[in-house]
Amino acid sequence: MTLAEGHFFPVSADRVLSLDPFALMGVVNVTPDSFSDGGQFTSVEEVAQFAMGLVDQGATVIDVGGESTRPGAARVAIDEQIRRVVPAITRIRARSNVAISIDTTHAAVAEAALDAGADFVNDVSAGTEDSAMFRVLAKRGASVVLMHRIAPPDQDSYSDRYAKEPVYGDVVRDVSAFLLARAEMAMAAGIPREQIAIDPGLGFGKSVAQNYELLARTSEIAALGFPVLVGASRKSFLGAVTGREDPEQRIIGSVVAAVAAYGGGARIVRAHDVGAHREALLVAHAVLRGAGL
């Protein structure tokens, strides 16, 4: 797939997300323990106001999650996830027509979120954690983002803290093969190919060096022919290079990583600092356009 192709991602039966020149996914964690922004909200209204602020900055998707995926995070029961995310999604949907994704690995949470107004699912397990996920999404006409990881968060480590780094034959080829296999499973369950996006899972089961190799070779993942989502925002592998220990101080590194992935063909960027990413990606787009890409 060339950079000029794949301008749209149908996220549901009645909503199409433009990827021209890119889509920005703003992060809204309604969790007490996320690595960067956990516990920042005291009411559903605060959640909605924060989401609208991201929209004002340029977010075209709001990604709502009720379970932290940071390394070492405790798992959250399905009922508790639903209790956290449904009021937030309901309030955001009442405020805006922005696309909403639900960050979950459970079909029951996905269904509740879709009922509340979400459009599609961002599944960091790529459908491996709940065998019902693909069937539910096919039935509902909802799209899915499939992410690569090697272990659930409670069994994982930060990229810069592995005692022994994860073993891959070739990290890009291995991640690509996994994502393609999961996409084929999703299609076999009835999800149309055009409603599938893929995510290499930066920071999930990869060492610092492996994350940078994935970024450097994003074009190989984009060559699979699915929209590529990248989520480098504020992650530890950025701090390992810049020396920034506080995730909130990793904005510059986050933006550079996003631009690098964009140059390789990624067209959906998941970010905390939406405004900074938007400006950088607009400049990156102008450079690519100037180069005839």
C-alpha atoms as a PDB file:
ATOM      1  CA  MET A   1       0.000   0.000   0.000  1.00  0.00           C
ATOM      2  CA  THR A   2       1.415   3.377  -0.975  1.00  0.00           C
ATOM      3  CA  LEU A   3       1.171   6.467   1.179  1.00  0.00           C
ATOM      4  CA  ALA A   4      -1.509   7.820  -1.162  1.00  0.00           C
ATOM      5  CA  GLU A   5      -3.833   4.855  -0.578  1.00  0.00           C
ATOM      6  CA  GLY A   6      -6.076   3.988   2.343  1.00  0.00           C
ATOM      7  CA  HIS A   7      -7.527   7.435   3.018  1.00  0.00           C
ATOM      8  CA  PHE A   8     -10.497   6.177   5.049  1.00  0.00           C
ATOM      9  CA  PHE A   9     -11.253   3.741   7.865  1.00  0.00           C
ATOM     10  CA  PRO A  10     -14.938   2.792   8.275  1.00  0.00           C
ATOM     11  CA  VAL A  11     -15.152   2.453  12.064  1.00  0.00           C
ATOM     12  CA  SER A  12     -18.790   1.408  12.130  1.00  0.00           C
ATOM     13  CA  ALA A  13     -21.718   0.806   9.821  1.00  0.00           C
ATOM     14  CA  ASP A  14     -22.510   4.533   9.707  1.00  0.00           C
ATOM     15  CA  ARG A  15     -19.246   6.345  10.486  1.00  0.00           C
ATOM     16  CA  VAL A  16     -16.103   6.683   8.395  1.00  0.00           C
ATOM     17  CA  LEU A  17     -12.866   8.033   9.879  1.00  0.00           C
ATOM     18  CA  SER A  18     -10.746  10.084   7.514  1.00  0.00           C
ATOM     19  CA  LEU A  19      -7.060   9.207   7.458  1.00  0.00           C
ATOM     20  CA  ASP A  20      -6.273  12.064   5.113  1.00  0.00           C
ATOM     21  CA  PRO A  21      -3.827  13.307   6.141  1.00  0.00           C
ATOM     22  CA  PHE A  22      -4.057  11.410   9.464  1.00  0.00           C
ATOM     23  CA  ALA A  23      -6.357  10.617  12.374  1.00  0.00           C
ATOM     24  CA  LEU A  24      -5.498  11.598  15.943  1.00  0.00           C
ATOM     25  CA  MET A  25      -6.770   9.372  18.738  1.00  0.00           C
ATOM     26  CA  GLY A  26      -6.933  11.229  22.045  1.00  0.00           C
ATOM     27  CA  VAL A  27      -6.422   9.185  25.204  1.00  0.00           C
ATOM     28  CA  VAL A  28      -9.081   9.270  27.936  1.00  0.00           C
ATOM     29  CA  ASN A  29      -8.269   6.854  30.750  1.00  0.00           C
ATOM     30  CA  VAL A  30     -11.023   6.516  33.349  1.00  0.00           C
ATOM     31  CA  THR A  31      -8.692   4.532  35.573  1.00  0.00           C
ATOM     32  CA  PRO A  32      -6.908   5.239  38.855  1.00  0.00           C
ATOM     33  CA  ASP A  33      -3.616   3.623  37.816  1.00  0.00           C
ATOM     34  CA  SER A  34      -2.649   4.412  34.225  1.00  0.00           C
ATOM     35  CA  PHE A  35       1.085   5.059  33.828  1.00  0.00           C
ATOM     36  CA  SER A  36       0.790   8.705  32.817  1.00  0.00           C
ATOM     37  CA  ASP A  37      -2.653  10.098  33.616  1.00  0.00           C
ATOM     38  CA  GLY A  38      -4.385   7.752  36.030  1.00  0.00           C
ATOM     39  CA  GLY A  39      -6.817   9.140  38.573  1.00  0.00           C
ATOM     40  CA  GLN A  40      -7.082  12.609  37.046  1.00  0.00           C
ATOM     41  CA  PHE A  41     -10.903  12.732  36.953  1.00  0.00           C
ATOM     42  CA  THR A  42     -13.319  13.084  39.858  1.00  0.00           C
ATOM     43  CA  SER A  43     -16.571  13.140  37.861  1.00  0.00           C
ATOM     44  CA  VAL A  44     -18.076  12.088  34.545  1.00  0.00           C
ATOM     45  CA  GLU A  45     -18.452  15.754  33.636  1.00  0.00           C
ATOM     46  CA  GLU A  46     -14.699  16.256  34.055  1.00  0.00           C
ATOM     47  CA  VAL A  47     -14.106  13.308  31.723  1.00  0.00           C
ATOM     48  CA  ALA A  48     -16.377  14.824  29.077  1.00  0.00           C
ATOM     49  CA  GLN A  49     -14.768  18.259  29.400  1.00  0.00           C
ATOM     50  CA  PHE A  50     -11.313  16.725  29.035  1.00  0.00           C
ATOM     51  CA  ALA A  51     -12.435  14.799  25.949  1.00  0.00           C
ATOM     52  CA  MET A  52     -13.882  17.939  24.397  1.00  0.00           C
ATOM     53  CA  GLY A  53     -10.571  19.657  25.028  1.00  0.00           C
ATOM     54  CA  LEU A  54      -8.838  16.924  23.042  1.00  0.00           C
ATOM     55  CA  VAL A  55     -11.343  17.403  20.233  1.00  0.00           C
ATOM     56  CA  ASP A  56     -10.604  21.142  20.254  1.00  0.00           C
ATOM     57  CA  GLN A  57      -6.895  20.274  19.903  1.00  0.00           C
ATOM     58  CA  GLY A  58      -7.612  18.149  16.843  1.00  0.00           C
ATOM     59  CA  ALA A  59      -8.553  14.673  18.033  1.00  0.00           C
ATOM     60  CA  THR A  60     -10.837  12.888  15.588  1.00  0.00           C
ATOM     61  CA  VAL A  61     -11.156   9.832  17.848  1.00  0.00           C
ATOM     62  CA  ILE A  62     -11.543   9.633  21.619  1.00  0.00           C
ATOM     63  CA  ASP A  63     -10.183   6.370  23.032  1.00  0.00           C
ATOM     64  CA  VAL A  64     -11.833   5.518  26.356  1.00  0.00           C
ATOM     65  CA  GLY A  65     -10.331   2.861  28.595  1.00  0.00           C
ATOM     66  CA  GLY A  66     -11.419   1.459  31.931  1.00  0.00           C
ATOM     67  CA  GLU A  67      -8.454  -0.831  32.597  1.00  0.00           C
ATOM     68  CA  SER A  68      -4.858   0.317  32.725  1.00  0.00           C
ATOM     69  CA  THR A  69      -2.546  -1.436  30.275  1.00  0.00           C
ATOM     70  CA  ARG A  70       0.660  -0.178  31.874  1.00  0.00           C
ATOM     71  CA  PRO A  71       3.155  -2.950  32.708  1.00  0.00           C
ATOM     72  CA  GLY A  72       2.397  -4.519  36.088  1.00  0.00           C
ATOM     73  CA  ALA A  73      -1.159  -3.153  36.279  1.00  0.00           C
ATOM     74  CA  ALA A  74      -3.723  -5.258  38.119  1.00  0.00           C
ATOM     75  CA  ARG A  75      -6.549  -6.636  36.037  1.00  0.00           C
ATOM     76  CA  VAL A  76      -9.975  -5.018  36.345  1.00  0.00           C
ATOM     77  CA  ALA A  77     -13.205  -7.026  36.478  1.00  0.00           C
ATOM     78  CA  ILE A  78     -15.566  -6.745  33.531  1.00  0.00           C
ATOM     79  CA  ASP A  79     -18.367  -5.229  35.603  1.00  0.00           C
ATOM     80  CA  GLU A  80     -16.023  -2.587  36.983  1.00  0.00           C
ATOM     81  CA  GLN A  81     -14.756  -1.703  33.511  1.00  0.00           C
ATOM     82  CA  ILE A  82     -18.351  -1.252  32.345  1.00  0.00           C
ATOM     83  CA  ARG A  83     -19.126   0.888  35.396  1.00  0.00           C
ATOM     84  CA  ARG A  84     -16.194   3.135  34.562  1.00  0.00           C
ATOM     85  CA  VAL A  85     -16.536   3.526  30.800  1.00  0.00           C
ATOM     86  CA  VAL A  86     -20.268   3.579  30.052  1.00  0.00           C
ATOM     87  CA  PRO A  87     -21.087   6.877  31.820  1.00  0.00           C
ATOM     88  CA  ALA A  88     -18.018   8.489  30.253  1.00  0.00           C
ATOM     89  CA  ILE A  89     -18.907   7.374  26.736  1.00  0.00           C
ATOM     90  CA  THR A  90     -22.546   8.346  27.203  1.00  0.00           C
ATOM     91  CA  ARG A  91     -21.576  11.857  28.279  1.00  0.00           C
ATOM     92  CA  ILE A  92     -18.992  12.298  25.506  1.00  0.00           C
ATOM     93  CA  ARG A  93     -21.471  11.123  22.896  1.00  0.00           C
ATOM     94  CA  ALA A  94     -24.067  13.571  24.211  1.00  0.00           C
ATOM     95  CA  ARG A  95     -21.532  16.368  23.753  1.00  0.00           C
ATOM     96  CA  SER A  96     -20.022  15.473  20.390  1.00  0.00           C
ATOM     97  CA  ASN A  97     -20.273  13.478  17.196  1.00  0.00           C
ATOM     98  CA  VAL A  98     -16.571  12.581  17.419  1.00  0.00           C
ATOM     99  CA  ALA A  99     -15.627   8.955  16.768  1.00  0.00           C
ATOM    100  CA  ILE A 100     -15.225   6.989  20.016  1.00  0.00           C
ATOM    101  CA  SER A 101     -13.237   3.809  20.529  1.00  0.00           C
ATOM    102  CA  ILE A 102     -13.370   1.561  23.565  1.00  0.00           C
ATOM    103  CA  ASP A 103     -10.029   0.256  24.777  1.00  0.00           C
ATOM    104  CA  THR A 104     -10.878  -3.227  26.040  1.00  0.00           C
ATOM    105  CA  THR A 105     -10.086  -6.906  25.553  1.00  0.00           C
ATOM    106  CA  HIS A 106     -13.525  -8.123  26.672  1.00  0.00           C
ATOM    107  CA  ALA A 107     -16.533  -8.595  24.410  1.00  0.00           C
ATOM    108  CA  ALA A 108     -19.002  -7.739  27.194  1.00  0.00           C
ATOM    109  CA  VAL A 109     -17.290  -4.396  27.804  1.00  0.00           C
ATOM    110  CA  ALA A 110     -17.225  -3.774  24.059  1.00  0.00           C
ATOM    111  CA  GLU A 111     -20.958  -4.423  23.749  1.00  0.00           C
ATOM    112  CA  ALA A 112     -21.790  -2.139  26.662  1.00  0.00           C
ATOM    113  CA  ALA A 113     -19.596   0.587  25.212  1.00  0.00           C
ATOM    114  CA  LEU A 114     -21.125   0.251  21.752  1.00  0.00           C
ATOM    115  CA  ASP A 115     -24.583   0.492  23.317  1.00  0.00           C
ATOM    116  CA  ALA A 116     -23.464   3.683  25.069  1.00  0.00           C
ATOM    117  CA  GLY A 117     -22.320   5.320  21.836  1.00  0.00           C
ATOM    118  CA  ALA A 118     -18.837   4.003  21.036  1.00  0.00           C
ATOM    119  CA  ASP A 119     -18.101   3.181  17.401  1.00  0.00           C
ATOM    120  CA  PHE A 120     -15.306   0.615  17.457  1.00  0.00           C
ATOM    121  CA  VAL A 121     -12.921  -1.375  19.640  1.00  0.00           C
ATOM    122  CA  ASN A 122      -9.230  -0.918  20.357  1.00  0.00           C
ATOM    123  CA  ASP A 123      -8.220  -4.414  21.509  1.00  0.00           C
ATOM    124  CA  VAL A 124      -4.660  -4.632  22.829  1.00  0.00           C
ATOM    125  CA  SER A 125      -4.913  -8.436  22.847  1.00  0.00           C
ATOM    126  CA  ALA A 126      -5.935  -8.575  19.154  1.00  0.00           C
ATOM    127  CA  GLY A 127      -8.891 -10.730  20.106  1.00  0.00           C
ATOM    128  CA  THR A 128      -6.833 -13.410  21.875  1.00  0.00           C
ATOM    129  CA  GLU A 129      -8.160 -12.717  25.363  1.00  0.00           C
ATOM    130  CA  ASP A 130     -11.872 -13.123  24.596  1.00  0.00           C
ATOM    131  CA  SER A 131     -12.862 -15.528  21.836  1.00  0.00           C
ATOM    132  CA  ALA A 132     -16.267 -13.824  21.560  1.00  0.00           C
ATOM    133  CA  MET A 133     -14.806 -10.448  20.576  1.00  0.00           C
ATOM    134  CA  PHE A 134     -14.677 -10.935  16.820  1.00  0.00           C
ATOM    135  CA  ARG A 135     -18.155 -12.465  16.661  1.00  0.00           C
ATOM    136  CA  VAL A 136     -19.618  -9.566  18.629  1.00  0.00           C
ATOM    137  CA  LEU A 137     -17.957  -6.950  16.440  1.00  0.00           C
ATOM    138  CA  ALA A 138     -19.001  -8.699  13.237  1.00  0.00           C
ATOM    139  CA  LYS A 139     -22.593  -8.823  14.455  1.00  0.00           C
ATOM    140  CA  ARG A 140     -22.555  -5.155  15.466  1.00  0.00           C
ATOM    141  CA  GLY A 141     -20.802  -3.907  12.345  1.00  0.00           C
ATOM    142  CA  ALA A 142     -18.041  -2.364  14.464  1.00  0.00           C
ATOM    143  CA  SER A 143     -14.407  -2.104  13.459  1.00  0.00           C
ATOM    144  CA  VAL A 144     -11.391  -3.228  15.444  1.00  0.00           C
ATOM    145  CA  VAL A 145      -7.791  -2.238  16.051  1.00  0.00           C
ATOM    146  CA  LEU A 146      -5.630  -5.326  16.562  1.00  0.00           C
ATOM    147  CA  MET A 147      -2.495  -4.809  18.647  1.00  0.00           C
ATOM    148  CA  HIS A 148       0.521  -7.047  19.145  1.00  0.00           C
ATOM    149  CA  ARG A 149       1.712  -7.990  22.604  1.00  0.00           C
ATOM    150  CA  ILE A 150       3.438 -11.042  24.070  1.00  0.00           C
ATOM    151  CA  ALA A 151       1.816 -11.011  27.515  1.00  0.00           C
ATOM    152  CA  PRO A 152      -1.004  -9.258  29.371  1.00  0.00           C
ATOM    153  CA  PRO A 153       0.010  -6.122  31.296  1.00  0.00           C
ATOM    154  CA  ASP A 154       0.158  -7.808  34.688  1.00  0.00           C
ATOM    155  CA  GLN A 155       2.842 -10.154  33.317  1.00  0.00           C
ATOM    156  CA  ASP A 156       4.803  -7.547  31.360  1.00  0.00           C
ATOM    157  CA  SER A 157       7.537  -5.026  32.167  1.00  0.00           C
ATOM    158  CA  TYR A 158       8.433  -1.519  31.085  1.00  0.00           C
ATOM    159  CA  SER A 159      10.631  -1.529  27.965  1.00  0.00           C
ATOM    160  CA  ASP A 160      13.643  -0.190  29.866  1.00  0.00           C
ATOM    161  CA  ARG A 161      13.319  -2.577  32.822  1.00  0.00           C
ATOM    162  CA  TYR A 162      13.553  -6.064  31.345  1.00  0.00           C
ATOM    163  CA  ALA A 163      16.004  -8.325  33.154  1.00  0.00           C
ATOM    164  CA  LYS A 164      16.139 -10.241  29.866  1.00  0.00           C
ATOM    165  CA  GLU A 165      14.734  -8.640  26.763  1.00  0.00           C
ATOM    166  CA  PRO A 166      11.922 -10.372  24.833  1.00  0.00           C
ATOM    167  CA  VAL A 167      13.149 -12.806  22.200  1.00  0.00           C
ATOM    168  CA  TYR A 168      12.151 -12.431  18.558  1.00  0.00           C
ATOM    169  CA  GLY A 169      13.622 -13.921  15.406  1.00  0.00           C
ATOM    170  CA  ASP A 170      13.071 -10.578  13.691  1.00  0.00           C
ATOM    171  CA  VAL A 171      10.827  -8.286  15.695  1.00  0.00           C
ATOM    172  CA  VAL A 172       9.212  -6.576  12.700  1.00  0.00           C
ATOM    173  CA  ARG A 173       8.582  -9.773  10.782  1.00  0.00           C
ATOM    174  CA  ASP A 174       7.302 -11.576  13.874  1.00  0.00           C
ATOM    175  CA  VAL A 175       4.955  -8.729  14.817  1.00  0.00           C
ATOM    176  CA  SER A 176       3.738  -8.440  11.220  1.00  0.00           C
ATOM    177  CA  ALA A 177       3.067 -12.178  10.994  1.00  0.00           C
ATOM    178  CA  PHE A 178       1.074 -12.106  14.229  1.00  0.00           C
ATOM    179  CA  LEU A 179      -1.014  -9.133  13.140  1.00  0.00           C
ATOM    180  CA  LEU A 180      -1.741 -10.658   9.747  1.00  0.00           C
ATOM    181  CA  ALA A 181      -2.802 -13.937  11.360  1.00  0.00           C
ATOM    182  CA  ARG A 182      -5.125 -12.137  13.773  1.00  0.00           C
ATOM    183  CA  ALA A 183      -6.579 -10.043  10.948  1.00  0.00           C
ATOM    184  CA  GLU A 184      -7.322 -13.230   9.033  1.00  0.00           C
ATOM    185  CA  MET A 185      -9.078 -14.635  12.106  1.00  0.00           C
ATOM    186  CA  ALA A 186     -11.134 -11.460  12.384  1.00  0.00           C
ATOM    187  CA  MET A 187     -12.115 -11.651   8.723  1.00  0.00           C
ATOM    188  CA  ALA A 188     -13.028 -15.320   9.099  1.00  0.00           C
ATOM    189  CA  ALA A 189     -15.372 -14.282  11.921  1.00  0.00           C
ATOM    190  CA  GLY A 190     -17.116 -11.829   9.613  1.00  0.00           C
ATOM    191  CA  ILE A 191     -15.333  -8.507  10.125  1.00  0.00           C
ATOM    192  CA  PRO A 192     -14.713  -6.906   6.715  1.00  0.00           C
ATOM    193  CA  ARG A 193     -11.062  -6.322   5.832  1.00  0.00           C
ATOM    194  CA  GLU A 194     -11.626  -2.577   5.486  1.00  0.00           C
ATOM    195  CA  GLN A 195     -12.825  -2.449   9.105  1.00  0.00           C
ATOM    196  CA  ILE A 196      -9.563  -3.761  10.544  1.00  0.00           C
ATOM    197  CA  ALA A 197      -6.601  -1.639  11.640  1.00  0.00           C
ATOM    198  CA  ILE A 198      -3.354  -2.919  13.127  1.00  0.00           C
ATOM    199  CA  ASP A 199      -1.011  -1.682  15.841  1.00  0.00           C
ATOM    200  CA  PRO A 200       2.559  -2.991  16.383  1.00  0.00           C
ATOM    201  CA  GLY A 201       2.168  -2.461  20.126  1.00  0.00           C
ATOM    202  CA  LEU A 202       5.043  -0.159  20.948  1.00  0.00           C
ATOM    203  CA  GLY A 203       6.007  -0.666  24.580  1.00  0.00           C
ATOM    204  CA  PHE A 204       4.153  -3.956  24.889  1.00  0.00           C
ATOM    205  CA  GLY A 205       6.589  -6.854  25.154  1.00  0.00           C
ATOM    206  CA  LYS A 206       9.432  -5.046  23.392  1.00  0.00           C
ATOM    207  CA  SER A 207      12.783  -3.811  24.610  1.00  0.00           C
ATOM    208  CA  VAL A 208      13.909  -0.250  24.008  1.00  0.00           C
ATOM    209  CA  ALA A 209      15.865  -1.286  20.907  1.00  0.00           C
ATOM    210  CA  GLN A 210      12.998  -3.390  19.573  1.00  0.00           C
ATOM    211  CA  ASN A 211      10.588  -0.466  19.834  1.00  0.00           C
ATOM    212  CA  TYR A 212      12.904   1.727  17.794  1.00  0.00           C
ATOM    213  CA  GLU A 213      13.360  -0.981  15.188  1.00  0.00           C
ATOM    214  CA  LEU A 214       9.584  -1.197  14.816  1.00  0.00           C
ATOM    215  CA  LEU A 215       9.410   2.565  14.362  1.00  0.00           C
ATOM    216  CA  ALA A 216      12.230   2.550  11.824  1.00  0.00           C
ATOM    217  CA  ARG A 217      10.538  -0.191   9.808  1.00  0.00           C
ATOM    218  CA  THR A 218       6.909   0.956  10.055  1.00  0.00           C
ATOM    219  CA  SER A 219       6.662   0.772   6.272  1.00  0.00           C
ATOM    220  CA  GLU A 220       6.934  -3.022   6.447  1.00  0.00           C
ATOM    221  CA  ILE A 221       3.910  -3.170   8.738  1.00  0.00           C
ATOM    222  CA  ALA A 222       1.970  -0.722   6.556  1.00  0.00           C
ATOM    223  CA  ALA A 223       2.735  -2.979   3.585  1.00  0.00           C
ATOM    224  CA  LEU A 224       0.287  -5.527   5.040  1.00  0.00           C
ATOM    225  CA  GLY A 225      -2.441  -3.276   3.638  1.00  0.00           C
ATOM    226  CA  PHE A 226      -4.317  -2.309   6.801  1.00  0.00           C
ATOM    227  CA  PRO A 227      -4.458   1.140   8.415  1.00  0.00           C
ATOM    228  CA  VAL A 228      -1.635   1.294  10.967  1.00  0.00           C
ATOM    229  CA  LEU A 229      -2.112   2.813  14.406  1.00  0.00           C
ATOM    230  CA  VAL A 230       0.896   3.762  16.504  1.00  0.00           C
ATOM    231  CA  GLY A 231       0.903   4.649  20.180  1.00  0.00           C
ATOM    232  CA  ALA A 232       4.311   5.804  21.348  1.00  0.00           C
ATOM    233  CA  SER A 233       2.957   8.632  23.482  1.00  0.00           C
ATOM    234  CA  ARG A 234       4.899   9.216  26.722  1.00  0.00           C
ATOM    235  CA  LYS A 235       6.224   5.639  26.871  1.00  0.00           C
ATOM    236  CA  SER A 236       9.314   4.472  28.743  1.00  0.00           C
ATOM    237  CA  PHE A 237      11.405   3.661  25.667  1.00  0.00           C
ATOM    238  CA  LEU A 238      11.323   7.388  24.867  1.00  0.00           C
ATOM    239  CA  GLY A 239      12.533   8.258  28.345  1.00  0.00           C
ATOM    240  CA  ALA A 240      15.325   5.711  28.014  1.00  0.00           C
ATOM    241  CA  VAL A 241      16.814   7.838  25.236  1.00  0.00           C
ATOM    242  CA  THR A 242      15.947  11.342  26.433  1.00  0.00           C
ATOM    243  CA  GLY A 243      16.495  10.833  30.141  1.00  0.00           C
ATOM    244  CA  ARG A 244      12.978  12.061  30.902  1.00  0.00           C
ATOM    245  CA  GLU A 245      11.714   9.978  33.811  1.00  0.00           C
ATOM    246  CA  ASP A 246       8.390  11.803  34.129  1.00  0.00           C
ATOM    247  CA  PRO A 247       6.018  10.581  31.367  1.00  0.00           C
ATOM    248  CA  GLU A 248       4.433  14.044  31.124  1.00  0.00           C
ATOM    249  CA  GLN A 249       7.819  15.476  30.104  1.00  0.00           C
ATOM    250  CA  ARG A 250       8.179  13.133  27.120  1.00  0.00           C
ATOM    251  CA  ILE A 251       6.123  15.233  24.705  1.00  0.00           C
ATOM    252  CA  ILE A 252       8.960  16.025  22.287  1.00  0.00           C
ATOM    253  CA  GLY A 253      10.084  12.410  22.101  1.00  0.00           C
ATOM    254  CA  SER A 254       6.477  11.300  21.614  1.00  0.00           C
ATOM    255  CA  VAL A 255       5.996  13.697  18.729  1.00  0.00           C
ATOM    256  CA  VAL A 256       9.237  12.655  17.011  1.00  0.00           C
ATOM    257  CA  ALA A 257       8.258   8.989  17.281  1.00  0.00           C
ATOM    258  CA  ALA A 258       4.837   9.737  15.804  1.00  0.00           C
ATOM    259  CA  VAL A 259       6.359  11.640  12.892  1.00  0.00           C
ATOM    260  CA  ALA A 260       8.774   8.786  12.213  1.00  0.00           C
ATOM    261  CA  ALA A 261       5.906   6.296  12.122  1.00  0.00           C
ATOM    262  CA  TYR A 262       3.870   8.629   9.926  1.00  0.00           C
ATOM    263  CA  GLY A 263       6.724   8.765   7.458  1.00  0.00           C
ATOM    264  CA  GLY A 264       6.577   4.975   7.326  1.00  0.00           C
ATOM    265  CA  GLY A 265       2.873   4.922   6.527  1.00  0.00           C
ATOM    266  CA  ALA A 266       1.102   4.926   9.892  1.00  0.00           C
ATOM    267  CA  ARG A 267      -2.029   7.044   9.644  1.00  0.00           C
ATOM    268  CA  ILE A 268      -3.657   6.758  13.081  1.00  0.00           C
ATOM    269  CA  VAL A 269      -1.723   8.212  16.015  1.00  0.00           C
ATOM    270  CA  ARG A 270      -2.800   7.600  19.601  1.00  0.00           C
ATOM    271  CA  ALA A 271      -1.612  10.462  21.792  1.00  0.00           C
ATOM    272  CA  HIS A 272      -2.032  12.195  25.123  1.00  0.00           C
ATOM    273  CA  ASP A 273      -0.742  15.564  23.881  1.00  0.00           C
ATOM    274  CA  VAL A 274      -2.991  15.946  20.862  1.00  0.00           C
ATOM    275  CA  GLY A 275      -2.229  19.551  19.958  1.00  0.00           C
ATOM    276  CA  ALA A 276       1.531  19.037  19.771  1.00  0.00           C
ATOM    277  CA  HIS A 277       1.087  15.907  17.666  1.00  0.00           C
ATOM    278  CA  ARG A 278      -1.309  17.647  15.296  1.00  0.00           C
ATOM    279  CA  GLU A 279       1.120  20.470  14.524  1.00  0.00           C
ATOM    280  CA  ALA A 280       4.066  18.112  14.000  1.00  0.00           C
ATOM    281  CA  LEU A 281       2.087  15.747  11.793  1.00  0.00           C
ATOM    282  CA  LEU A 282       0.765  18.597   9.663  1.00  0.00           C
ATOM    283  CA  VAL A 283       4.358  19.636   8.983  1.00  0.00           C
ATOM    284  CA  ALA A 284       5.339  16.022   8.282  1.00  0.00           C
ATOM    285  CA  HIS A 285       2.430  15.766   5.856  1.00  0.00           C
ATOM    286  CA  ALA A 286       3.560  18.928   4.060  1.00  0.00           C
ATOM    287  CA  VAL A 287       7.079  17.490   3.720  1.00  0.00           C
ATOM    288  CA  LEU A 288       5.788  14.204   2.292  1.00  0.00           C
ATOM    289  CA  ARG A 289       3.480  16.055  -0.072  1.00  0.00           C
ATOM    290  CA  GLY A 290       6.401  18.198  -1.192  1.00  0.00           C
ATOM    291  CA  ALA A 291       8.290  14.996  -1.943  1.00  0.00           C
ATOM    292  CA  GLY A 292       5.392  13.760  -4.049  1.00  0.00           C
ATOM    293  CA  LEU A 293       4.311  11.048  -1.580  1.00  0.00           C
END
